[in-house]
């Protein structure tokens, strides 16, 4: 488990320690709990952000299909495009 260090002023530390004592725990446990809560919030945010993006992309694709704005290509053409893109991304292409 990693360690986190941060600086706070003495008054903040004193009050935080009193709050921890009132909750019958120590400041380290409270800070760990808060960090875990923040991490869980971030997990939810990332999950929901991805779900929102994916749903939006699906909706756009359905709308394009319904409006007959899609362009379909053969498997061979798709394979050629992917090969060209891989070549370009690898830096081996000559322009």
PDB file of N, CA and C in Angstrom:
ATOM      1  N   UNK A   1       0.852  -1.173   0.000  1.00  0.00           N
ATOM      2  CA  UNK A   1       0.000   0.000   0.000  1.00  0.00           C
ATOM      3  C   UNK A   1       0.898   1.236   0.000  1.00  0.00           C
ATOM      4  N   UNK A   2       0.575   2.198  -0.831  1.00  0.00           N
ATOM      5  CA  UNK A   2       1.354   3.424  -0.910  1.00  0.00           C
ATOM      6  C   UNK A   2       0.997   4.383   0.213  1.00  0.00           C
ATOM      7  N   UNK A   3       1.885   5.337   0.430  1.00  0.00           N
ATOM      8  CA  UNK A   3       1.682   6.358   1.446  1.00  0.00           C
ATOM      9  C   UNK A   3       1.475   7.692   0.763  1.00  0.00           C
ATOM     10  N   UNK A   4       0.555   8.472   1.286  1.00  0.00           N
ATOM     11  CA  UNK A   4       0.295   9.821   0.779  1.00  0.00           C
ATOM     12  C   UNK A   4       0.722  10.811   1.848  1.00  0.00           C
ATOM     13  N   UNK A   5       1.469  11.825   1.449  1.00  0.00           N
ATOM     14  CA  UNK A   5       1.881  12.879   2.376  1.00  0.00           C
ATOM     15  C   UNK A   5       1.322  14.197   1.873  1.00  0.00           C
ATOM     16  N   UNK A   6       0.817  15.001   2.778  1.00  0.00           N
ATOM     17  CA  UNK A   6       0.394  16.341   2.402  1.00  0.00           C
ATOM     18  C   UNK A   6       0.544  17.248   3.613  1.00  0.00           C
ATOM     19  N   UNK A   7       0.615  18.532   3.343  1.00  0.00           N
ATOM     20  CA  UNK A   7       0.818  19.514   4.403  1.00  0.00           C
ATOM     21  C   UNK A   7      -0.469  20.288   4.650  1.00  0.00           C
ATOM     22  N   UNK A   8      -0.760  20.476   5.917  1.00  0.00           N
ATOM     23  CA  UNK A   8      -1.867  21.334   6.318  1.00  0.00           C
ATOM     24  C   UNK A   8      -1.410  22.186   7.490  1.00  0.00           C
ATOM     25  N   UNK A   9      -2.096  23.271   7.703  1.00  0.00           N
ATOM     26  CA  UNK A   9      -1.693  24.133   8.814  1.00  0.00           C
ATOM     27  C   UNK A   9      -2.084  23.479  10.142  1.00  0.00           C
ATOM     28  N   UNK A  10      -1.464  23.946  11.210  1.00  0.00           N
ATOM     29  CA  UNK A  10      -1.655  23.362  12.536  1.00  0.00           C
ATOM     30  C   UNK A  10      -3.107  23.413  12.999  1.00  0.00           C
ATOM     31  N   UNK A  11      -3.802  24.494  12.742  1.00  0.00           N
ATOM     32  CA  UNK A  11      -5.188  24.632  13.179  1.00  0.00           C
ATOM     33  C   UNK A  11      -6.081  23.609  12.483  1.00  0.00           C
ATOM     34  N   UNK A  12      -5.878  23.441  11.187  1.00  0.00           N
ATOM     35  CA  UNK A  12      -6.650  22.440  10.447  1.00  0.00           C
ATOM     36  C   UNK A  12      -6.368  21.046  10.988  1.00  0.00           C
ATOM     37  N   UNK A  13      -5.116  20.756  11.226  1.00  0.00           N
ATOM     38  CA  UNK A  13      -4.734  19.453  11.768  1.00  0.00           C
ATOM     39  C   UNK A  13      -5.375  19.232  13.136  1.00  0.00           C
ATOM     40  N   UNK A  14      -5.310  20.224  13.989  1.00  0.00           N
ATOM     41  CA  UNK A  14      -5.876  20.114  15.329  1.00  0.00           C
ATOM     42  C   UNK A  14      -7.373  19.825  15.264  1.00  0.00           C
ATOM     43  N   UNK A  15      -8.077  20.609  14.445  1.00  0.00           N
ATOM     44  CA  UNK A  15      -9.524  20.424  14.334  1.00  0.00           C
ATOM     45  C   UNK A  15      -9.878  19.070  13.715  1.00  0.00           C
ATOM     46  N   UNK A  16      -9.118  18.649  12.718  1.00  0.00           N
ATOM     47  CA  UNK A  16      -9.363  17.355  12.087  1.00  0.00           C
ATOM     48  C   UNK A  16      -9.139  16.219  13.080  1.00  0.00           C
ATOM     49  N   UNK A  17      -8.112  16.337  13.897  1.00  0.00           N
ATOM     50  CA  UNK A  17      -7.844  15.311  14.903  1.00  0.00           C
ATOM     51  C   UNK A  17      -8.961  15.264  15.943  1.00  0.00           C
ATOM     52  N   UNK A  18      -9.475  16.424  16.317  1.00  0.00           N
ATOM     53  CA  UNK A  18     -10.607  16.466  17.251  1.00  0.00           C
ATOM     54  C   UNK A  18     -11.841  15.806  16.635  1.00  0.00           C
ATOM     55  N   UNK A  19     -12.085  16.085  15.362  1.00  0.00           N
ATOM     56  CA  UNK A  19     -13.231  15.476  14.672  1.00  0.00           C
ATOM     57  C   UNK A  19     -13.070  13.956  14.620  1.00  0.00           C
ATOM     58  N   UNK A  20     -11.865  13.496  14.349  1.00  0.00           N
ATOM     59  CA  UNK A  20     -11.608  12.053  14.307  1.00  0.00           C
ATOM     60  C   UNK A  20     -11.834  11.433  15.683  1.00  0.00           C
ATOM     61  N   UNK A  21     -11.344  12.106  16.709  1.00  0.00           N
ATOM     62  CA  UNK A  21     -11.514  11.603  18.070  1.00  0.00           C
ATOM     63  C   UNK A  21     -12.999  11.521  18.422  1.00  0.00           C
ATOM     64  N   UNK A  22     -13.768  12.543  18.023  1.00  0.00           N
ATOM     65  CA  UNK A  22     -15.195  12.564  18.288  1.00  0.00           C
ATOM     66  C   UNK A  22     -15.882  11.375  17.616  1.00  0.00           C
ATOM     67  N   UNK A  23     -15.349  10.957  16.465  1.00  0.00           N
ATOM     68  CA  UNK A  23     -15.913   9.810  15.736  1.00  0.00           C
ATOM     69  C   UNK A  23     -15.282   8.485  16.180  1.00  0.00           C
ATOM     70  N   UNK A  24     -14.496   8.550  17.237  1.00  0.00           N
ATOM     71  CA  UNK A  24     -13.833   7.388  17.834  1.00  0.00           C
ATOM     72  C   UNK A  24     -12.952   6.643  16.835  1.00  0.00           C
ATOM     73  N   UNK A  25     -12.179   7.417  16.106  1.00  0.00           N
ATOM     74  CA  UNK A  25     -11.220   6.852  15.161  1.00  0.00           C
ATOM     75  C   UNK A  25     -10.006   7.767  15.129  1.00  0.00           C
ATOM     76  N   UNK A  26      -9.089   7.512  14.228  1.00  0.00           N
ATOM     77  CA  UNK A  26      -7.936   8.413  14.103  1.00  0.00           C
ATOM     78  C   UNK A  26      -7.952   9.088  12.732  1.00  0.00           C
ATOM     79  N   UNK A  27      -7.161  10.120  12.623  1.00  0.00           N
ATOM     80  CA  UNK A  27      -7.147  10.931  11.405  1.00  0.00           C
ATOM     81  C   UNK A  27      -6.711  10.127  10.183  1.00  0.00           C
ATOM     82  N   UNK A  28      -5.775   9.234  10.365  1.00  0.00           N
ATOM     83  CA  UNK A  28      -5.305   8.409   9.247  1.00  0.00           C
ATOM     84  C   UNK A  28      -6.448   7.577   8.664  1.00  0.00           C
ATOM     85  N   UNK A  29      -7.236   6.950   9.532  1.00  0.00           N
ATOM     86  CA  UNK A  29      -8.359   6.143   9.046  1.00  0.00           C
ATOM     87  C   UNK A  29      -9.384   7.006   8.325  1.00  0.00           C
ATOM     88  N   UNK A  30      -9.654   8.208   8.855  1.00  0.00           N
ATOM     89  CA  UNK A  30     -10.607   9.098   8.204  1.00  0.00           C
ATOM     90  C   UNK A  30     -10.097   9.544   6.836  1.00  0.00           C
ATOM     91  N   UNK A  31      -8.820   9.863   6.733  1.00  0.00           N
ATOM     92  CA  UNK A  31      -8.247  10.300   5.455  1.00  0.00           C
ATOM     93  C   UNK A  31      -8.257   9.160   4.443  1.00  0.00           C
ATOM     94  N   UNK A  32      -7.959   7.941   4.910  1.00  0.00           N
ATOM     95  CA  UNK A  32      -8.010   6.774   4.020  1.00  0.00           C
ATOM     96  C   UNK A  32      -9.438   6.574   3.513  1.00  0.00           C
ATOM     97  N   UNK A  33     -10.420   6.681   4.424  1.00  0.00           N
ATOM     98  CA  UNK A  33     -11.820   6.528   4.043  1.00  0.00           C
ATOM     99  C   UNK A  33     -12.220   7.587   3.020  1.00  0.00           C
ATOM    100  N   UNK A  34     -11.797   8.828   3.241  1.00  0.00           N
ATOM    101  CA  UNK A  34     -12.134   9.905   2.298  1.00  0.00           C
ATOM    102  C   UNK A  34     -11.488   9.642   0.937  1.00  0.00           C
ATOM    103  N   UNK A  35     -10.239   9.191   0.931  1.00  0.00           N
ATOM    104  CA  UNK A  35      -9.556   8.890  -0.334  1.00  0.00           C
ATOM    105  C   UNK A  35     -10.281   7.766  -1.073  1.00  0.00           C
ATOM    106  N   UNK A  36     -10.739   6.751  -0.330  1.00  0.00           N
ATOM    107  CA  UNK A  36     -11.480   5.655  -0.955  1.00  0.00           C
ATOM    108  C   UNK A  36     -12.810   6.148  -1.524  1.00  0.00           C
ATOM    109  N   UNK A  37     -13.477   7.051  -0.805  1.00  0.00           N
ATOM    110  CA  UNK A  37     -14.729   7.630  -1.307  1.00  0.00           C
ATOM    111  C   UNK A  37     -14.490   8.419  -2.587  1.00  0.00           C
ATOM    112  N   UNK A  38     -13.410   9.207  -2.610  1.00  0.00           N
ATOM    113  CA  UNK A  38     -13.076   9.975  -3.807  1.00  0.00           C
ATOM    114  C   UNK A  38     -12.769   9.050  -4.985  1.00  0.00           C
ATOM    115  N   UNK A  39     -12.053   7.966  -4.717  1.00  0.00           N
ATOM    116  CA  UNK A  39     -11.732   7.008  -5.773  1.00  0.00           C
ATOM    117  C   UNK A  39     -13.009   6.366  -6.320  1.00  0.00           C
ATOM    118  N   UNK A  40     -13.933   6.027  -5.448  1.00  0.00           N
ATOM    119  CA  UNK A  40     -15.193   5.427  -5.888  1.00  0.00           C
ATOM    120  C   UNK A  40     -16.001   6.424  -6.713  1.00  0.00           C
ATOM    121  N   UNK A  41     -16.016   7.691  -6.295  1.00  0.00           N
ATOM    122  CA  UNK A  41     -16.693   8.725  -7.083  1.00  0.00           C
ATOM    123  C   UNK A  41     -16.090   8.822  -8.477  1.00  0.00           C
ATOM    124  N   UNK A  42     -14.756   8.748  -8.553  1.00  0.00           N
ATOM    125  CA  UNK A  42     -14.079   8.832  -9.850  1.00  0.00           C
ATOM    126  C   UNK A  42     -14.408   7.619 -10.709  1.00  0.00           C
ATOM    127  N   UNK A  43     -14.455   6.422 -10.090  1.00  0.00           N
ATOM    128  CA  UNK A  43     -14.842   5.219 -10.839  1.00  0.00           C
ATOM    129  C   UNK A  43     -16.236   5.386 -11.436  1.00  0.00           C
ATOM    130  N   UNK A  44     -17.170   5.858 -10.619  1.00  0.00           N
ATOM    131  CA  UNK A  44     -18.539   6.078 -11.098  1.00  0.00           C
ATOM    132  C   UNK A  44     -18.569   7.111 -12.213  1.00  0.00           C
ATOM    133  N   UNK A  45     -17.813   8.188 -12.037  1.00  0.00           N
ATOM    134  CA  UNK A  45     -17.774   9.239 -13.052  1.00  0.00           C
ATOM    135  C   UNK A  45     -17.255   8.680 -14.368  1.00  0.00           C
ATOM    136  N   UNK A  46     -16.135   7.967 -14.294  1.00  0.00           N
ATOM    137  CA  UNK A  46     -15.549   7.416 -15.517  1.00  0.00           C
ATOM    138  C   UNK A  46     -16.483   6.408 -16.169  1.00  0.00           C
ATOM    139  N   UNK A  47     -17.102   5.561 -15.372  1.00  0.00           N
ATOM    140  CA  UNK A  47     -18.023   4.563 -15.913  1.00  0.00           C
ATOM    141  C   UNK A  47     -19.213   5.246 -16.578  1.00  0.00           C
ATOM    142  N   UNK A  48     -19.776   6.228 -15.911  1.00  0.00           N
ATOM    143  CA  UNK A  48     -20.943   6.912 -16.448  1.00  0.00           C
ATOM    144  C   UNK A  48     -20.590   7.780 -17.644  1.00  0.00           C
ATOM    145  N   UNK A  49     -19.412   8.372 -17.638  1.00  0.00           N
ATOM    146  CA  UNK A  49     -18.975   9.174 -18.772  1.00  0.00           C
ATOM    147  C   UNK A  49     -18.828   8.289 -20.004  1.00  0.00           C
ATOM    148  N   UNK A  50     -18.218   7.119 -19.829  1.00  0.00           N
ATOM    149  CA  UNK A  50     -18.060   6.203 -20.953  1.00  0.00           C
ATOM    150  C   UNK A  50     -19.421   5.718 -21.432  1.00  0.00           C
ATOM    151  N   UNK A  51     -20.293   5.364 -20.499  1.00  0.00           N
ATOM    152  CA  UNK A  51     -21.625   4.879 -20.878  1.00  0.00           C
ATOM    153  C   UNK A  51     -22.381   5.961 -21.642  1.00  0.00           C
ATOM    154  N   UNK A  52     -22.272   7.207 -21.195  1.00  0.00           N
ATOM    155  CA  UNK A  52     -22.944   8.314 -21.875  1.00  0.00           C
ATOM    156  C   UNK A  52     -22.386   8.482 -23.284  1.00  0.00           C
ATOM    157  N   UNK A  53     -21.049   8.452 -23.402  1.00  0.00           N
ATOM    158  CA  UNK A  53     -20.408   8.596 -24.716  1.00  0.00           C
ATOM    159  C   UNK A  53     -20.845   7.457 -25.649  1.00  0.00           C
ATOM    160  N   UNK A  54     -20.818   6.230 -25.136  1.00  0.00           N
ATOM    161  CA  UNK A  54     -21.166   5.078 -25.959  1.00  0.00           C
ATOM    162  C   UNK A  54     -22.620   5.158 -26.420  1.00  0.00           C
ATOM    163  N   UNK A  55     -23.503   5.512 -25.511  1.00  0.00           N
ATOM    164  CA  UNK A  55     -24.916   5.639 -25.877  1.00  0.00           C
ATOM    165  C   UNK A  55     -25.099   6.716 -26.945  1.00  0.00           C
ATOM    166  N   UNK A  56     -24.383   7.799 -26.803  1.00  0.00           N
ATOM    167  CA  UNK A  56     -24.453   8.884 -27.780  1.00  0.00           C
ATOM    168  C   UNK A  56     -23.966   8.420 -29.153  1.00  0.00           C
ATOM    169  N   UNK A  57     -22.872   7.677 -29.184  1.00  0.00           N
ATOM    170  CA  UNK A  57     -22.336   7.168 -30.446  1.00  0.00           C
ATOM    171  C   UNK A  57     -23.309   6.186 -31.097  1.00  0.00           C
ATOM    172  N   UNK A  58     -23.928   5.360 -30.302  1.00  0.00           N
ATOM    173  CA  UNK A  58     -24.906   4.407 -30.833  1.00  0.00           C
ATOM    174  C   UNK A  58     -26.099   5.152 -31.413  1.00  0.00           C
ATOM    175  N   UNK A  59     -26.582   6.159 -30.687  1.00  0.00           N
ATOM    176  CA  UNK A  59     -27.701   6.967 -31.184  1.00  0.00           C
ATOM    177  C   UNK A  59     -27.362   7.642 -32.512  1.00  0.00           C
ATOM    178  N   UNK A  60     -26.140   8.162 -32.634  1.00  0.00           N
ATOM    179  CA  UNK A  60     -25.723   8.799 -33.891  1.00  0.00           C
ATOM    180  C   UNK A  60     -25.699   7.784 -35.032  1.00  0.00           C
ATOM    181  N   UNK A  61     -25.180   6.600 -34.755  1.00  0.00           N
ATOM    182  CA  UNK A  61     -25.107   5.561 -35.787  1.00  0.00           C
ATOM    183  C   UNK A  61     -26.505   5.136 -36.236  1.00  0.00           C
ATOM    184  N   UNK A  62     -27.407   5.001 -35.292  1.00  0.00           N
ATOM    185  CA  UNK A  62     -28.791   4.631 -35.642  1.00  0.00           C
ATOM    186  C   UNK A  62     -29.431   5.730 -36.481  1.00  0.00           C
ATOM    187  N   UNK A  63     -29.217   6.986 -36.088  1.00  0.00           N
ATOM    188  CA  UNK A  63     -29.790   8.100 -36.847  1.00  0.00           C
ATOM    189  C   UNK A  63     -29.236   8.132 -38.270  1.00  0.00           C
ATOM    190  N   UNK A  64     -27.921   7.921 -38.419  1.00  0.00           N
ATOM    191  CA  UNK A  64     -27.328   7.892 -39.769  1.00  0.00           C
ATOM    192  C   UNK A  64     -27.930   6.765 -40.590  1.00  0.00           C
ATOM    193  N   UNK A  65     -28.128   5.623 -39.958  1.00  0.00           N
ATOM    194  CA  UNK A  65     -28.702   4.486 -40.669  1.00  0.00           C
ATOM    195  C   UNK A  65     -30.139   4.763 -41.086  1.00  0.00           C
ATOM    196  N   UNK A  66     -30.912   5.326 -40.168  1.00  0.00           N
ATOM    197  CA  UNK A  66     -32.308   5.632 -40.476  1.00  0.00           C
ATOM    198  C   UNK A  66     -32.429   6.684 -41.571  1.00  0.00           C
ATOM    199  N   UNK A  67     -31.458   7.604 -41.650  1.00  0.00           N
ATOM    200  CA  UNK A  67     -31.470   8.654 -42.672  1.00  0.00           C
ATOM    201  C   UNK A  67     -30.706   8.233 -43.929  1.00  0.00           C
ATOM    202  N   UNK A  68     -30.327   6.975 -43.967  1.00  0.00           N
ATOM    203  CA  UNK A  68     -29.594   6.410 -45.105  1.00  0.00           C
ATOM    204  C   UNK A  68     -28.331   7.207 -45.434  1.00  0.00           C
ATOM    205  N   UNK A  69     -27.626   7.606 -44.380  1.00  0.00           N
ATOM    206  CA  UNK A  69     -26.384   8.356 -44.544  1.00  0.00           C
ATOM    207  C   UNK A  69     -25.154   7.463 -44.355  1.00  0.00           C
ATOM    208  N   UNK A  70     -25.367   6.188 -44.168  1.00  0.00           N
ATOM    209  CA  UNK A  70     -24.255   5.271 -43.967  1.00  0.00           C
ATOM    210  C   UNK A  70     -23.604   4.917 -45.289  1.00  0.00           C
ATOM    211  N   UNK A  71     -22.332   4.646 -45.228  1.00  0.00           N
ATOM    212  CA  UNK A  71     -21.601   4.148 -46.382  1.00  0.00           C
ATOM    213  C   UNK A  71     -21.045   2.792 -45.998  1.00  0.00           C
ATOM    214  N   UNK A  72     -21.377   1.784 -46.763  1.00  0.00           N
ATOM    215  CA  UNK A  72     -20.905   0.445 -46.475  1.00  0.00           C
ATOM    216  C   UNK A  72     -19.801   0.083 -47.451  1.00  0.00           C
ATOM    217  N   UNK A  73     -18.795  -0.621 -46.937  1.00  0.00           N
ATOM    218  CA  UNK A  73     -17.682  -1.058 -47.773  1.00  0.00           C
ATOM    219  C   UNK A  73     -17.512  -2.558 -47.600  1.00  0.00           C
ATOM    220  N   UNK A  74     -16.840  -3.163 -48.559  1.00  0.00           N
ATOM    221  CA  UNK A  74     -16.630  -4.615 -48.510  1.00  0.00           C
ATOM    222  C   UNK A  74     -15.575  -4.950 -47.450  1.00  0.00           C
ATOM    223  N   UNK A  75     -15.542  -6.213 -47.112  1.00  0.00           N
ATOM    224  CA  UNK A  75     -14.544  -6.690 -46.154  1.00  0.00           C
ATOM    225  C   UNK A  75     -13.129  -6.446 -46.690  1.00  0.00           C
ATOM    226  N   UNK A  76     -12.932  -6.710 -47.984  1.00  0.00           N
ATOM    227  CA  UNK A  76     -11.603  -6.522 -48.583  1.00  0.00           C
ATOM    228  C   UNK A  76     -11.169  -5.063 -48.504  1.00  0.00           C
ATOM    229  N   UNK A  77     -12.078  -4.146 -48.812  1.00  0.00           N
ATOM    230  CA  UNK A  77     -11.733  -2.725 -48.746  1.00  0.00           C
ATOM    231  C   UNK A  77     -11.436  -2.313 -47.305  1.00  0.00           C
ATOM    232  N   UNK A  78     -12.199  -2.842 -46.385  1.00  0.00           N
ATOM    233  CA  UNK A  78     -11.967  -2.547 -44.972  1.00  0.00           C
ATOM    234  C   UNK A  78     -10.582  -3.024 -44.552  1.00  0.00           C
ATOM    235  N   UNK A  79     -10.216  -4.224 -44.960  1.00  0.00           N
ATOM    236  CA  UNK A  79      -8.897  -4.781 -44.631  1.00  0.00           C
ATOM    237  C   UNK A  79      -7.784  -3.930 -45.231  1.00  0.00           C
ATOM    238  N   UNK A  80      -7.984  -3.435 -46.459  1.00  0.00           N
ATOM    239  CA  UNK A  80      -6.988  -2.577 -47.108  1.00  0.00           C
ATOM    240  C   UNK A  80      -6.829  -1.262 -46.339  1.00  0.00           C
ATOM    241  N   UNK A  81      -7.956  -0.680 -45.936  1.00  0.00           N
ATOM    242  CA  UNK A  81      -7.900   0.588 -45.183  1.00  0.00           C
ATOM    243  C   UNK A  81      -7.189   0.406 -43.845  1.00  0.00           C
ATOM    244  N   UNK A  82      -7.469  -0.691 -43.172  1.00  0.00           N
ATOM    245  CA  UNK A  82      -6.825  -0.953 -41.884  1.00  0.00           C
ATOM    246  C   UNK A  82      -5.332  -1.164 -42.077  1.00  0.00           C
ATOM    247  N   UNK A  83      -4.953  -1.897 -43.099  1.00  0.00           N
ATOM    248  CA  UNK A  83      -3.525  -2.128 -43.375  1.00  0.00           C
ATOM    249  C   UNK A  83      -2.815  -0.807 -43.663  1.00  0.00           C
ATOM    250  N   UNK A  84      -3.461   0.069 -44.445  1.00  0.00           N
ATOM    251  CA  UNK A  84      -2.857   1.371 -44.754  1.00  0.00           C
ATOM    252  C   UNK A  84      -2.736   2.221 -43.499  1.00  0.00           C
ATOM    253  N   UNK A  85      -3.738   2.170 -42.653  1.00  0.00           N
ATOM    254  CA  UNK A  85      -3.694   2.944 -41.407  1.00  0.00           C
ATOM    255  C   UNK A  85      -2.597   2.432 -40.492  1.00  0.00           C
ATOM    256  N   UNK A  86      -2.468   1.114 -40.389  1.00  0.00           N
ATOM    257  CA  UNK A  86      -1.395   0.533 -39.560  1.00  0.00           C
ATOM    258  C   UNK A  86      -0.029   0.968 -40.078  1.00  0.00           C
ATOM    259  N   UNK A  87       0.131   0.937 -41.383  1.00  0.00           N
ATOM    260  CA  UNK A  87       1.386   1.345 -41.993  1.00  0.00           C
ATOM    261  C   UNK A  87       1.687   2.813 -41.676  1.00  0.00           C
ATOM    262  N   UNK A  88       0.669   3.639 -41.814  1.00  0.00           N
ATOM    263  CA  UNK A  88       0.826   5.061 -41.532  1.00  0.00           C
ATOM    264  C   UNK A  88       1.182   5.298 -40.066  1.00  0.00           C
ATOM    265  N   UNK A  89       0.506   4.588 -39.181  1.00  0.00           N
ATOM    266  CA  UNK A  89       0.764   4.763 -37.739  1.00  0.00           C
ATOM    267  C   UNK A  89       2.111   4.228 -37.309  1.00  0.00           C
ATOM    268  N   UNK A  90       2.625   3.250 -38.024  1.00  0.00           N
ATOM    269  CA  UNK A  90       3.926   2.696 -37.679  1.00  0.00           C
ATOM    270  C   UNK A  90       5.059   3.598 -38.137  1.00  0.00           C
ATOM    271  N   UNK A  91       4.738   4.578 -38.961  1.00  0.00           N
ATOM    272  CA  UNK A  91       5.758   5.519 -39.427  1.00  0.00           C
ATOM    273  C   UNK A  91       6.515   5.042 -40.636  1.00  0.00           C
ATOM    274  N   UNK A  92       6.085   3.946 -41.231  1.00  0.00           N
ATOM    275  CA  UNK A  92       6.788   3.363 -42.371  1.00  0.00           C
ATOM    276  C   UNK A  92       6.278   3.882 -43.711  1.00  0.00           C
ATOM    277  N   UNK A  93       5.270   4.736 -43.706  1.00  0.00           N
ATOM    278  CA  UNK A  93       4.698   5.191 -44.980  1.00  0.00           C
ATOM    279  C   UNK A  93       5.561   6.257 -45.619  1.00  0.00           C
ATOM    280  N   UNK A  94       5.522   6.293 -46.911  1.00  0.00           N
ATOM    281  CA  UNK A  94       6.249   7.303 -47.681  1.00  0.00           C
ATOM    282  C   UNK A  94       5.223   8.252 -48.249  1.00  0.00           C
ATOM    283  N   UNK A  95       5.388   9.540 -47.928  1.00  0.00           N
ATOM    284  CA  UNK A  95       4.382  10.507 -48.415  1.00  0.00           C
ATOM    285  C   UNK A  95       4.971  11.447 -49.417  1.00  0.00           C
TER     286      UNK A  95
END
